[in-house]
Protein backbone atom coordinates (compact mmCIF):
# COMPACT_ATOMS: atom_id res chain seq x y z
CA MET A 1 0.00 -0.02 0.04
CA PHE A 2 2.75 2.39 0.80
CA GLY A 3 5.10 1.10 -1.88
CA SER A 4 8.84 0.99 -1.16
CA LEU A 5 9.08 4.00 1.09
CA ARG A 6 12.65 5.41 1.56
CA LEU A 7 12.23 8.40 3.96
CA ASP A 8 14.46 11.07 5.01
CA HIS A 9 14.04 13.17 8.23
CA ARG A 10 12.08 15.80 6.39
CA SER A 11 9.83 13.37 4.81
CA ILE A 12 9.19 11.66 8.13
CA LYS A 13 8.22 15.06 9.69
CA TRP A 14 5.71 15.55 7.03
CA LEU A 15 4.24 12.14 7.22
CA ILE A 16 3.80 12.57 10.98
CA ALA A 17 2.20 15.82 10.58
CA THR A 18 -0.13 14.31 7.92
CA ILE A 19 -1.11 11.64 10.29
CA LEU A 20 -1.74 14.29 13.12
CA SER A 21 -3.83 16.16 10.59
CA ALA A 22 -5.87 13.32 9.53
CA THR A 23 -6.56 12.56 13.08
CA ALA A 24 -7.67 15.98 13.91
CA PHE A 25 -10.02 16.19 10.90
CA LEU A 26 -11.77 12.92 12.02
CA TYR A 27 -12.25 14.24 15.35
CA LEU A 28 -13.34 17.78 14.54
CA PRO A 29 -17.17 16.95 15.27
CA SER A 30 -16.26 16.15 18.87
CA PHE A 31 -15.61 19.84 19.57
CA SER A 32 -19.27 20.37 19.49
CA LEU A 33 -19.94 17.66 22.23
CA GLY A 34 -21.51 18.53 25.34
CA PHE A 35 -20.76 17.64 29.09
CA ILE A 36 -21.54 14.17 30.12
CA SER A 37 -21.50 11.96 33.28
CA ASP A 38 -18.54 12.34 35.55
CA ASP A 39 -17.47 15.67 33.52
CA PHE A 40 -19.70 17.64 36.07
CA ALA A 41 -18.47 16.01 39.19
CA LEU A 42 -14.70 16.38 38.22
CA ILE A 43 -15.07 19.97 37.12
CA GLY A 44 -17.18 20.83 40.09
CA GLU A 45 -14.63 19.53 42.57
CA ALA A 46 -11.78 21.10 40.62
CA ARG A 47 -13.33 24.56 40.75
CA ARG A 48 -14.07 24.12 44.36
CA VAL A 49 -10.69 23.35 45.81
CA SER A 50 -7.60 25.64 45.69
CA TRP A 51 -4.73 25.06 43.36
CA TRP A 52 -2.53 23.91 46.08
CA GLY A 53 -5.25 22.02 47.62
CA LEU A 54 -5.54 19.68 44.57
CA PHE A 55 -2.26 18.04 45.75
CA LEU A 56 -3.42 17.52 49.47
CA GLN A 57 -6.77 15.62 49.13
CA GLU A 58 -8.67 12.92 47.29
CA LEU A 59 -11.40 14.09 45.11
CA ASN A 60 -14.32 11.81 44.22
CA ALA A 61 -12.41 9.03 46.10
CA TYR A 62 -9.33 9.50 43.72
CA TYR A 63 -6.11 11.15 43.99
CA ARG A 64 -5.26 12.56 40.54
CA PRO A 65 -4.21 15.95 41.06
CA LEU A 66 -2.48 16.66 37.80
CA VAL A 67 -5.89 15.88 35.97
CA GLN A 68 -7.66 18.11 38.42
CA LEU A 69 -5.16 20.86 37.75
CA THR A 70 -5.88 20.79 33.96
CA LEU A 71 -9.61 20.97 34.65
CA LYS A 72 -9.25 23.81 36.89
CA ALA A 73 -7.22 25.59 34.44
CA ASP A 74 -9.85 24.85 31.77
CA HIS A 75 -12.58 26.20 34.05
CA ALA A 76 -10.57 29.35 34.55
CA LEU A 77 -10.30 29.88 30.82
CA TRP A 78 -13.64 28.45 29.47
CA GLY A 79 -16.03 28.36 32.38
CA SER A 80 -19.02 26.16 31.35
CA LYS A 81 -18.26 26.10 27.71
CA PRO A 82 -17.41 22.51 26.91
CA ALA A 83 -15.50 23.24 23.52
CA GLY A 84 -12.37 24.48 25.41
CA TYR A 85 -12.26 21.44 27.42
CA HIS A 86 -12.37 19.26 24.28
CA VAL A 87 -9.62 21.15 22.76
CA THR A 88 -7.40 20.30 25.74
CA SER A 89 -8.07 16.69 25.87
CA PHE A 90 -7.80 16.52 22.00
CA ALA A 91 -4.34 18.16 22.15
CA LEU A 92 -3.30 15.47 24.62
CA HIS A 93 -4.50 12.74 22.11
CA LEU A 94 -2.48 14.26 19.42
CA ILE A 95 0.54 14.36 21.61
CA ASN A 96 0.06 10.54 22.33
CA VAL A 97 -0.40 9.85 18.67
CA LEU A 98 2.84 11.59 18.05
CA LEU A 99 4.64 9.51 20.92
CA VAL A 100 3.30 6.17 19.36
CA ALA A 101 4.81 7.33 16.08
CA LEU A 102 8.23 7.96 17.62
CA ILE A 103 8.00 4.75 19.61
CA GLY A 104 6.82 2.81 16.54
CA ARG A 105 9.83 4.15 14.51
CA ARG A 106 12.21 2.40 16.89
CA VAL A 107 10.59 -1.05 17.01
CA LEU A 108 8.88 -1.49 13.58
CA SER A 109 9.67 -0.81 10.03
CA ARG A 110 8.66 2.32 8.08
CA LYS A 111 5.33 0.72 7.03
CA GLY A 112 4.71 -0.69 10.39
CA TRP A 113 4.95 2.53 12.38
CA ILE A 114 2.87 4.40 10.04
CA LEU A 115 0.24 2.04 10.34
CA ALA A 116 0.41 1.89 14.16
CA ALA A 117 0.26 5.58 14.32
CA VAL A 118 -2.62 5.83 12.10
CA TYR A 119 -4.64 2.93 14.03
CA PHE A 120 -3.87 4.50 17.35
CA GLY A 121 -5.13 7.87 16.22
CA ILE A 122 -8.49 6.75 14.71
CA THR A 123 -9.53 3.54 16.57
CA PRO A 124 -13.10 4.02 18.20
CA THR A 125 -11.37 2.04 21.29
CA HIS A 126 -10.39 5.61 22.47
CA ALA A 127 -13.94 7.13 22.17
CA SER A 128 -14.68 7.16 25.82
CA SER A 129 -11.27 8.76 26.56
CA VAL A 130 -11.00 11.30 23.85
CA LEU A 131 -14.80 12.35 23.63
CA TRP A 132 -15.69 12.33 27.31
CA ILE A 133 -13.99 15.12 29.12
CA CYS A 134 -13.71 13.01 32.26
CA GLY A 135 -11.63 10.55 30.18
CA ARG A 136 -8.75 13.11 30.35
CA THR A 137 -7.29 10.85 33.19
CA ASP A 138 -6.46 8.27 30.53
CA LEU A 139 -4.98 10.94 27.94
CA LEU A 140 -2.83 12.63 30.59
CA CYS A 141 -1.47 9.43 32.19
CA ALA A 142 -0.73 7.97 28.67
CA THR A 143 1.19 11.14 27.89
CA PHE A 144 3.56 10.53 30.84
CA TYR A 145 3.41 6.80 30.39
CA LEU A 146 4.46 6.92 26.69
CA GLY A 147 6.99 9.57 27.35
CA THR A 148 8.63 7.35 29.88
CA ALA A 149 8.69 4.38 27.34
CA TRP A 150 10.01 6.62 24.70
CA ILE A 151 12.81 8.12 26.71
CA LEU A 152 13.72 4.50 27.77
CA ILE A 153 13.89 3.20 24.21
CA GLU A 154 15.86 6.35 22.95
CA SER A 155 18.48 6.13 25.84
CA LYS A 156 19.40 2.50 25.25
CA ALA A 157 22.53 3.41 23.32
CA ARG A 158 23.89 5.67 26.00
CA ARG A 159 22.36 6.38 29.40
CA GLU A 160 23.10 9.58 31.33
CA MET A 161 22.07 10.77 34.61
CA TRP A 162 19.59 13.07 33.08
CA HIS A 163 17.72 10.19 31.44
CA GLY A 164 16.93 8.71 34.89
CA ALA A 165 15.82 12.08 36.16
CA ILE A 166 13.42 12.49 33.27
CA VAL A 167 11.89 8.87 33.38
CA ALA A 168 11.46 9.28 37.26
CA LEU A 169 9.70 12.55 36.86
CA LEU A 170 7.55 11.11 33.88
CA THR A 171 6.63 8.01 35.80
CA PHE A 172 5.64 10.32 39.01
CA GLY A 173 3.50 12.39 36.69
CA ALA A 174 1.69 9.30 35.07
CA LEU A 175 0.93 8.08 38.67
CA LEU A 176 -0.37 11.40 39.75
CA SER A 177 -2.87 11.34 36.87
CA LYS A 178 -4.19 7.82 37.26
CA GLU A 179 -3.55 4.82 39.27
CA MET A 180 -3.52 2.65 36.17
CA ALA A 181 0.33 3.78 35.94
CA ILE A 182 1.15 1.10 38.58
CA SER A 183 1.74 -1.17 35.64
CA LEU A 184 4.34 1.24 34.09
CA PRO A 185 7.39 -0.15 36.22
CA LEU A 186 6.75 -3.69 35.03
CA VAL A 187 5.97 -2.64 31.25
CA SER A 188 9.14 -0.64 31.39
CA LEU A 189 11.08 -3.62 32.80
CA LEU A 190 9.90 -5.76 29.98
CA ILE A 191 10.69 -2.97 27.32
CA ALA A 192 14.25 -2.62 28.76
CA TYR A 193 14.89 -6.37 28.86
CA ALA A 194 13.67 -6.64 25.07
CA ILE A 195 16.23 -3.96 24.02
CA GLU A 196 19.22 -5.14 25.90
CA ARG A 197 21.75 -6.88 23.64
CA ARG A 198 24.65 -7.74 26.01
CA ASP A 199 24.32 -11.50 26.70
CA GLY A 200 24.55 -12.64 30.26
CA HIS A 201 23.81 -9.03 31.56
CA ALA A 202 20.49 -8.28 30.05
CA LEU A 203 18.47 -8.68 33.33
CA ARG A 204 20.91 -6.60 35.34
CA ASP A 205 21.41 -3.83 32.78
CA SER A 206 17.42 -3.69 32.46
CA ALA A 207 17.06 -3.35 36.29
CA VAL A 208 19.54 -0.63 36.33
CA ALA A 209 17.76 1.15 33.43
CA VAL A 210 14.46 0.93 35.24
CA ALA A 211 15.70 1.72 38.71
CA PRO A 212 14.51 5.28 38.55
CA ILE A 213 11.01 4.28 37.54
CA PHE A 214 10.65 1.99 40.53
CA CYS A 215 12.18 4.72 42.80
CA ALA A 216 9.26 7.09 41.60
CA PHE A 217 6.78 4.50 42.10
CA VAL A 218 7.98 3.85 45.73
CA LEU A 219 7.97 7.65 46.24
CA TYR A 220 4.28 7.81 45.05
CA ILE A 221 3.19 5.04 47.37
CA ALA A 222 4.90 6.71 50.35
CA LEU A 223 3.25 10.00 49.41
CA ARG A 224 -0.19 8.40 49.26
CA PHE A 225 0.30 6.90 52.71
CA ALA A 226 1.59 9.98 54.27
CA LEU A 227 -1.33 11.92 53.04
CA PHE A 228 -4.29 9.52 53.25
CA GLY A 229 -3.05 6.57 55.27
CA ASN A 230 -3.61 3.81 52.64
CA PHE A 231 -2.27 2.63 49.50
CA LEU A 232 -3.79 2.13 46.05
CA GLN A 233 -7.47 1.65 46.03
CA ASN A 234 -10.25 1.92 43.58
CA PRO A 235 -13.99 2.08 45.14
CA LEU A 236 -15.11 0.34 41.98
CA GLN A 237 -13.15 -2.77 42.62
CA THR A 238 -13.79 -3.50 46.06
CA ALA A 239 -15.74 -6.65 45.38
CA THR A 240 -15.20 -9.13 42.64
CA SER A 241 -14.88 -12.93 41.82
CA THR A 242 -12.82 -15.31 39.81
CA SER A 243 -15.65 -15.66 37.24
CA ALA A 244 -16.00 -11.87 36.95
CA ILE A 245 -12.18 -11.49 36.36
CA LEU A 246 -12.28 -14.28 33.65
CA THR A 247 -15.24 -12.68 32.04
CA ASN A 248 -13.46 -9.29 32.02
CA VAL A 249 -10.41 -10.72 30.31
CA ALA A 250 -12.31 -11.86 27.48
CA ARG A 251 -14.37 -8.58 27.22
CA TYR A 252 -11.17 -6.57 27.21
CA ALA A 253 -9.72 -9.08 24.52
CA VAL A 254 -12.71 -8.57 22.29
CA THR A 255 -12.97 -4.95 22.65
CA LEU A 256 -9.46 -4.35 21.93
CA THR A 257 -9.59 -6.56 18.89
CA PHE A 258 -12.89 -5.51 17.59
CA PRO A 259 -13.59 -2.04 18.70
CA LEU A 260 -16.92 -1.59 17.01
CA ASP A 261 -20.74 -1.83 18.14
CA LEU A 262 -21.05 -4.99 20.42
CA GLU A 263 -24.20 -3.59 22.02
CA ILE A 264 -26.56 -6.02 20.12
CA LEU A 265 -25.06 -8.96 21.85
CA LYS A 266 -25.53 -7.35 25.46
CA PRO A 267 -29.24 -8.37 25.88
CA PHE A 268 -28.66 -12.07 24.69
CA PHE A 269 -25.77 -12.41 27.24
CA ARG A 270 -27.64 -10.76 30.04
CA SER A 271 -30.38 -13.36 29.48
CA HIS A 272 -27.73 -16.22 29.42
CA PRO A 273 -24.97 -15.37 31.82
CA ASN A 274 -23.56 -19.00 31.65
CA LEU A 275 -23.16 -18.75 28.21
CA LEU A 276 -21.13 -15.52 28.63
CA LEU A 277 -18.92 -17.40 31.09
CA GLY A 278 -18.50 -20.14 28.37
CA ALA A 279 -17.75 -17.66 25.85
CA SER A 280 -15.26 -16.04 28.02
CA VAL A 281 -13.48 -19.37 28.61
CA VAL A 282 -13.18 -20.05 24.82
CA ILE A 283 -11.83 -16.49 24.17
CA ALA A 284 -9.32 -16.67 26.94
CA GLY A 285 -8.26 -20.00 25.73
CA GLY A 286 -8.01 -18.61 22.08
CA CYS A 287 -5.81 -15.82 23.48
CA ILE A 288 -3.41 -18.22 25.16
CA TYR A 289 -3.17 -20.28 22.15
CA PHE A 290 -2.65 -17.24 19.89
CA ALA A 291 0.09 -16.06 22.42
CA ARG A 292 1.76 -19.27 22.09
CA SER A 293 1.72 -19.21 18.05
CA ILE A 294 3.38 -15.94 17.90
CA GLY A 295 5.98 -16.69 20.43
CA ARG A 296 8.68 -17.14 17.72
CA ASP A 297 8.38 -13.33 16.93
CA ARG A 298 10.00 -11.66 19.79
CA THR A 299 8.46 -8.14 19.06
CA LEU A 300 5.01 -9.41 18.94
CA LEU A 301 5.57 -11.38 22.16
CA VAL A 302 6.84 -8.29 23.88
CA LEU A 303 3.92 -6.07 22.67
CA LEU A 304 1.42 -8.72 23.81
CA GLY A 305 3.14 -8.95 27.22
CA CYS A 306 2.95 -5.00 27.40
CA VAL A 307 -0.86 -5.16 26.73
CA ALA A 308 -1.56 -7.78 29.42
CA LEU A 309 0.67 -6.07 32.02
CA SER A 310 -1.15 -2.82 31.38
CA LEU A 311 -4.60 -4.43 31.87
CA ILE A 312 -3.56 -6.00 35.28
CA PRO A 313 -4.71 -2.93 37.36
CA VAL A 314 -8.11 -2.94 35.90
CA LEU A 315 -9.13 -6.63 35.59
CA ARG A 316 -11.64 -6.74 38.55
CA VAL A 317 -14.06 -4.46 36.57
CA PHE A 318 -14.67 -3.90 32.99
CA GLY A 319 -14.80 -0.36 31.45
CA PRO A 320 -14.15 0.71 27.85
CA TRP A 321 -12.52 3.87 29.27
CA TYR A 322 -9.69 1.80 30.60
CA LEU A 323 -8.42 0.69 27.12
CA TYR A 324 -6.45 3.85 26.12
CA ILE A 325 -3.16 2.69 27.45
CA PRO A 326 -3.32 -0.98 26.41
CA SER A 327 -4.28 -0.06 22.97
CA VAL A 328 -0.94 1.31 22.40
CA GLY A 329 0.46 -2.21 22.38
CA VAL A 330 -2.52 -3.24 20.11
CA ALA A 331 -1.64 -0.49 17.57
CA LEU A 332 1.95 -1.46 17.53
CA PHE A 333 0.92 -5.10 17.38
CA VAL A 334 -1.08 -4.49 14.32
CA GLY A 335 1.80 -2.74 12.69
CA ARG A 336 4.11 -5.42 13.27
CA ALA A 337 1.53 -8.11 12.24
CA PHE A 338 1.27 -6.31 8.94
CA GLU A 339 4.91 -6.36 8.38
CA LEU A 340 5.16 -10.07 8.80
CA VAL A 341 2.10 -10.88 6.75
CA GLU A 342 3.17 -8.66 3.84
CA ARG A 343 6.53 -10.39 3.87
CA GLY A 344 4.95 -13.87 3.43
CA ILE A 345 2.26 -12.93 0.80
CA GLU A 346 3.32 -12.59 -2.81
CA ARG A 347 0.24 -10.57 -3.87
CA LYS A 348 0.73 -7.37 -1.95
CA ALA A 349 -2.62 -5.94 -3.30
CA ALA A 350 -4.54 -8.40 -1.08
CA ILE A 351 -3.03 -7.31 2.03
CA SER A 352 -3.44 -3.55 1.06
CA TRP A 353 -6.93 -3.88 0.44
CA ALA A 354 -7.47 -5.73 3.68
CA LEU A 355 -5.59 -2.79 5.36
CA VAL A 356 -7.94 -0.22 3.63
CA LEU A 357 -10.88 -2.31 5.07
CA LEU A 358 -9.38 -2.29 8.54
CA LEU A 359 -9.04 1.57 8.58
CA VAL A 360 -12.51 2.03 7.07
CA LEU A 361 -14.14 0.05 9.77
CA GLN A 362 -12.10 2.01 12.42
CA ILE A 363 -13.28 5.25 10.89
CA SER A 364 -16.89 4.04 10.77
CA GLY A 365 -16.57 2.96 14.48
CA LEU A 366 -15.30 6.26 15.40
CA GLY A 367 -18.04 8.16 13.53
CA GLN A 368 -20.64 5.92 15.31
CA SER A 369 -18.94 6.63 18.75
CA GLN A 370 -19.06 10.44 17.96
CA LEU A 371 -22.82 10.15 17.16
CA TRP A 372 -23.66 8.49 20.46
CA ALA A 373 -21.51 10.85 22.49
CA PHE A 374 -23.33 13.74 20.84
CA ARG A 375 -26.74 12.11 21.69
CA ALA A 376 -25.68 11.57 25.27
CA GLY A 377 -24.55 15.21 25.49
CA LYS A 378 -27.78 16.42 24.10
CA LEU A 379 -29.80 14.40 26.82
CA THR A 380 -27.74 15.91 29.45
CA SER A 381 -28.31 19.54 28.14
CA GLU A 382 -32.10 18.97 27.67
CA ALA A 383 -32.60 17.48 31.04
CA ILE A 384 -30.68 20.54 32.59
CA GLU A 385 -32.67 23.10 30.49
CA THR A 386 -36.02 21.40 31.39
CA LEU A 387 -35.19 21.77 35.13
CA ALA A 388 -33.95 25.24 34.79
CA VAL A 389 -36.99 26.48 33.00
CA ASN A 390 -39.62 24.77 35.23
CA VAL A 391 -38.21 25.13 38.63
CA ASP A 392 -37.34 28.32 40.36
CA ALA A 393 -33.91 28.98 41.75
CA GLY A 394 -33.37 27.88 45.39
CA ASN A 395 -36.10 25.15 45.11
CA ARG A 396 -35.88 21.35 45.19
CA VAL A 397 -37.09 19.13 42.58
CA ALA A 398 -37.41 15.22 42.56
CA VAL A 399 -36.17 13.41 39.65
CA LEU A 400 -37.66 9.98 39.67
CA SER A 401 -35.83 8.44 36.65
CA LEU A 402 -32.79 10.14 35.03
CA PRO A 403 -31.18 9.03 31.76
CA THR A 404 -27.87 7.74 33.11
CA GLU A 405 -26.59 5.63 29.99
CA TYR A 406 -27.10 5.84 26.20
CA ARG A 407 -25.92 2.85 24.36
CA GLY A 408 -23.12 2.24 26.56
CA VAL A 409 -22.27 5.97 26.77
CA PRO A 410 -22.91 7.67 30.10
CA VAL A 411 -25.38 10.41 30.05
CA PHE A 412 -25.45 11.47 33.81
CA GLY A 413 -23.81 8.29 34.82
CA TRP A 414 -24.21 8.36 38.64
CA LEU A 415 -27.37 10.16 40.14
CA GLY A 416 -25.34 12.69 41.99
CA ASN A 417 -23.77 14.32 38.77
CA LEU A 418 -27.20 15.90 38.04
CA GLU A 419 -26.50 18.19 41.14
CA TYR A 420 -23.04 19.01 39.97
CA ALA A 421 -24.37 19.75 36.53
CA MET A 422 -26.86 22.32 38.03
CA HIS A 423 -24.15 23.97 39.91
CA LEU A 424 -21.75 24.19 36.99
CA PHE A 425 -24.37 26.01 34.90
CA ASP A 426 -25.19 28.17 38.02
CA HIS A 427 -28.81 26.97 38.18
CA GLY A 428 -29.77 27.26 42.00
CA ILE A 429 -31.61 24.14 41.97
CA GLY A 430 -31.44 21.23 44.50
CA PRO A 431 -32.23 18.11 42.65
CA LEU A 432 -33.25 14.90 44.45
CA THR A 433 -32.76 11.71 42.34
CA ALA A 434 -33.97 8.19 42.66
CA VAL A 435 -33.34 5.78 39.86
CA GLY A 436 -31.27 5.82 36.42
CA VAL A 437 -32.60 4.65 33.08
CA ARG A 438 -30.34 2.92 30.61
CA LEU A 439 -31.49 3.92 27.08
CA SER A 440 -30.81 1.91 23.69
CA GLY A 441 -32.46 4.60 21.49
CA SER A 442 -33.64 8.30 21.46
CA THR A 443 -36.98 7.42 23.27
CA VAL A 444 -38.03 5.20 25.98
CA GLU A 445 -41.66 3.91 26.94
CA THR A 446 -42.06 4.34 30.72
CA GLU A 447 -45.15 4.46 33.03
CA THR A 448 -44.82 6.39 36.34
CA ILE A 449 -47.73 6.33 38.91
CA VAL A 450 -47.65 8.07 42.21
CA GLU A 451 -49.77 5.89 44.30
CA SER A 452 -52.06 6.82 47.29
CA SER A 453 -49.61 4.96 49.72
CA LYS A 454 -47.09 7.69 48.84
CA LYS A 455 -44.91 5.22 46.86
CA ILE A 456 -44.14 5.71 43.23
CA ARG A 457 -44.32 2.76 40.79
CA MET A 458 -42.40 2.82 37.52
CA SER A 459 -42.25 0.52 34.58
CA ILE A 460 -40.28 0.25 31.41
CA SER A 461 -41.27 -1.52 28.19
CA GLY A 462 -38.89 -3.42 25.94
CA GLU A 463 -35.77 -5.71 26.55
CA THR A 464 -32.94 -3.26 25.97
CA ASP A 465 -34.05 -0.46 28.16
CA PHE A 466 -34.09 -0.80 31.88
CA PHE A 467 -33.79 0.87 35.12
CA ARG A 468 -30.16 1.51 36.43
CA LEU A 469 -29.82 0.71 40.00
CA HIS A 470 -26.95 2.70 41.52
CA ASP A 471 -25.15 0.04 43.72
CA LEU A 472 -21.44 -0.80 43.50
CA ARG A 473 -22.12 -4.66 44.01
CA LEU A 474 -24.40 -4.60 40.78
CA LEU A 475 -21.86 -2.67 38.77
CA THR A 476 -18.98 -5.01 39.71
CA GLY A 477 -21.20 -8.09 39.14
CA ALA A 478 -20.81 -9.15 42.80
CA ARG A 479 -24.83 -9.15 43.06
CA LYS A 480 -27.36 -9.73 40.56
CA PRO A 481 -30.77 -7.78 40.64
CA ALA A 482 -33.79 -9.90 41.81
CA PRO A 483 -37.49 -9.32 42.46
CA GLY A 484 -37.90 -8.17 46.11
CA GLN A 485 -34.35 -6.78 46.56
CA ILE A 486 -34.29 -3.37 48.03
CA TYR A 487 -31.66 -0.57 47.37
CA THR A 488 -31.22 2.52 49.33
CA VAL A 489 -29.86 5.82 47.53
CA ARG A 490 -29.39 9.19 49.15
CA ASP A 491 -33.01 10.38 48.49
CA ALA A 492 -35.05 7.13 48.20
CA THR A 493 -35.58 3.38 48.67
CA VAL A 494 -35.97 1.49 45.59
CA GLU A 495 -37.49 -1.98 45.47
CA VAL A 496 -37.22 -4.18 42.50
CA VAL A 497 -40.67 -5.66 41.41
CA ARG A 498 -40.02 -7.13 37.97
CA LEU A 499 -37.07 -8.11 35.76
CA ASN A 500 -37.23 -8.20 32.01
CA ALA A 501 -36.06 -11.22 29.94
CA SER A 502 -32.37 -10.13 30.04
CA GLY A 503 -32.42 -10.02 33.76
CA GLN A 504 -32.53 -6.34 34.27
CA PRO A 505 -34.94 -4.31 36.43
CA ALA A 506 -38.20 -3.49 34.27
CA GLU A 507 -40.26 -2.31 37.18
CA VAL A 508 -39.49 -0.63 40.51
CA VAL A 509 -41.16 0.94 43.27
CA VAL A 510 -39.65 4.08 44.76
CA THR A 511 -40.27 5.27 48.42
CA PRO A 512 -38.92 8.81 48.95
CA ARG A 513 -36.87 9.56 51.97
CA THR A 514 -35.84 13.18 51.70
CA PHE A 515 -38.92 14.48 50.03
CA GLY A 516 -42.72 14.33 50.10
CA LEU A 517 -45.11 13.71 47.29
CA ARG A 518 -47.76 16.43 47.87
CA GLY A 519 -46.66 19.97 47.36
CA ASP A 520 -43.35 19.53 48.85
CA VAL A 521 -41.24 19.51 45.59
CA LYS A 522 -42.02 19.32 41.89
CA ILE A 523 -41.62 15.80 40.45
CA PHE A 524 -40.07 14.81 37.05
CA ALA A 525 -39.50 11.51 35.35
CA LEU A 526 -38.24 10.37 32.19
CA ARG A 527 -40.90 9.87 29.42
CA GLY A 528 -40.40 9.73 25.80
CA SER A 529 -37.18 11.66 24.89
CA GLY A 530 -36.95 13.84 27.97
CA LEU A 531 -37.80 14.59 31.50
CA GLN A 532 -41.55 15.65 32.17
CA GLU A 533 -43.31 16.82 35.16
CA ILE A 534 -45.53 14.20 36.98
CA THR A 535 -48.77 15.23 38.48
CA VAL A 536 -49.34 13.84 41.91
CA GLY A 537 -52.10 11.15 41.99
CA ARG A 538 -52.25 10.78 38.23
C-alpha cells in the first residue's frame, strides 16, 4: 500500500504531520459535544478546591491532582463552555499519537510504524477517553506513560544521569494522573529487557535502566500513605470474583480486537450469563493459543506482554475507558503483524485492500461513537434546561428517573452528577434523584404512577431499556438484581418488582426518603425523549 518507502528526516516530519492532521480532521465533530457523566463532578470538585489543595486531598475518592489541575485551568479559561475542554483533551490525544509514532519508528519498519500511528489515532477504542472530558485521566496518564517508554527506548545506546531523572519525573506524573500507571514499572522492565543486547547481563542492565522508575513508584506510594494513610484503592473494584475476572479478560480482549458496536450482543448475554462465562473461557483459551503461536516473533511477544501487564490493574471491573493505554500495544501489534504478513504474501494487493478495509471500519466505528456521545450530551443539556426552565432557583425538585446511559455512553452516569451539573451552569436548584435509566434509543416507553400510599411505581417496556440501580455490587457483578431486593440511595428507597427477559430491572417501586409527594417538591420523570413533570395522583 505504501510502496517502497525510503524516507529522509524531512519526509518523516511531513508524514507525521499528515497523520496528526488526518486524526484532527476525523475528530473535528467532537468539539461540539457537550458535558456528560462525571465531567460535571470532576469539574465541580476542581473549581471548589484551591490550586495547592488539589495535591493534598482525594477528590471523588481518587487522588489524581494533575488531571484536576488541567480541569481547573480549563474552567478558569472556558467556564461552562465544553468546547475549550475538548480542545485540551484532543491536544493530549495528538501528543500521544506523536509519541506512538516515535516509539513505533524504533521498534517497527517504516510501514509498520505508519500503520500503528494511524490505527492508534483513529481507533474507536479511544472514544470514551477522547470524547468524554472525564476521560482525560487516561489521556494525561498516557502522555507521561508513553513519554517514559520513549525516553527509555531512545536512551538504550547511552544512558546519562538526566535520562534517569526524566523517566522518574514522567513516571511520577503518570501516577499523579491515574492509578492505572502502577503497571508502568513492569512494562518498562519488559521493554528494557527486550532492547538489551549484552548476553549474560540483560536482566541486570534492564534493572539498572528502570531503577529510577521503580524509585518514583515507591515515592508515590509513600506520598499516598503519608497523605491518606492508605495505598492504592479503587472504590469500583472493592468486590469481585474469579468468574468476573475471567469474563473481564474476554471482554477486554474482544473490545481491543473488535472496537465496534457490540451492543447488540448484550441483551442476549444478560439473559444467558452461563453462555457469557463459557464464551469467556473460549476466548481466553484462544488468546493463550494465539500467544503461543506468536512466541517465535520477539516483537509481537513483547507487545502482547505490554498489553497484558497494562490491563492487570483493571481486571476486576470492565470499563471501555480503561483501554486507552493498552491499545498502544495493540496498535504497535497491528503494525508488526502487517509487516510479517506482507513479507509472506506474494500478492501485496490483497494485504493492502485488507488494510484499507480495517481503517475504513475504524473510521466508521469512530463516527458511530461520536454520534452516540453527541446524543448523550444532548440528553444531559435537555434535562438540565428542562429543570432550569420549570423550577425556580433555590427550590428542590425530585427526579424519579434520570437518563444515566445511552448505548453504553454515560449520560449522567451516577445520579449525583445531576446536582454537579446544575451548579456548573449556575442553576440554583437542588435536585433529588432516585433511579437511573439505561437507554438503547432516543426515546423510552415508561409509565410512572404516584400511588396513594405515597409510593411511586415505575415500569419500562422492552428488553433493551431498563432501570439502572446505583449500587456498586451490581456494577462489579458481585450481586445480580432480583425481585424483592431493596436498594437505598441518598433520596429514596428502591424495590425491584420485575425483571425483563435479559435479567434487568423493568419495574420498581420508589419510596421517597428526603422529600414528600404532595406540594413539597415538583416531580419529574423520564418519558419519551426527555424529562416531564409528573402530576401527583395521576
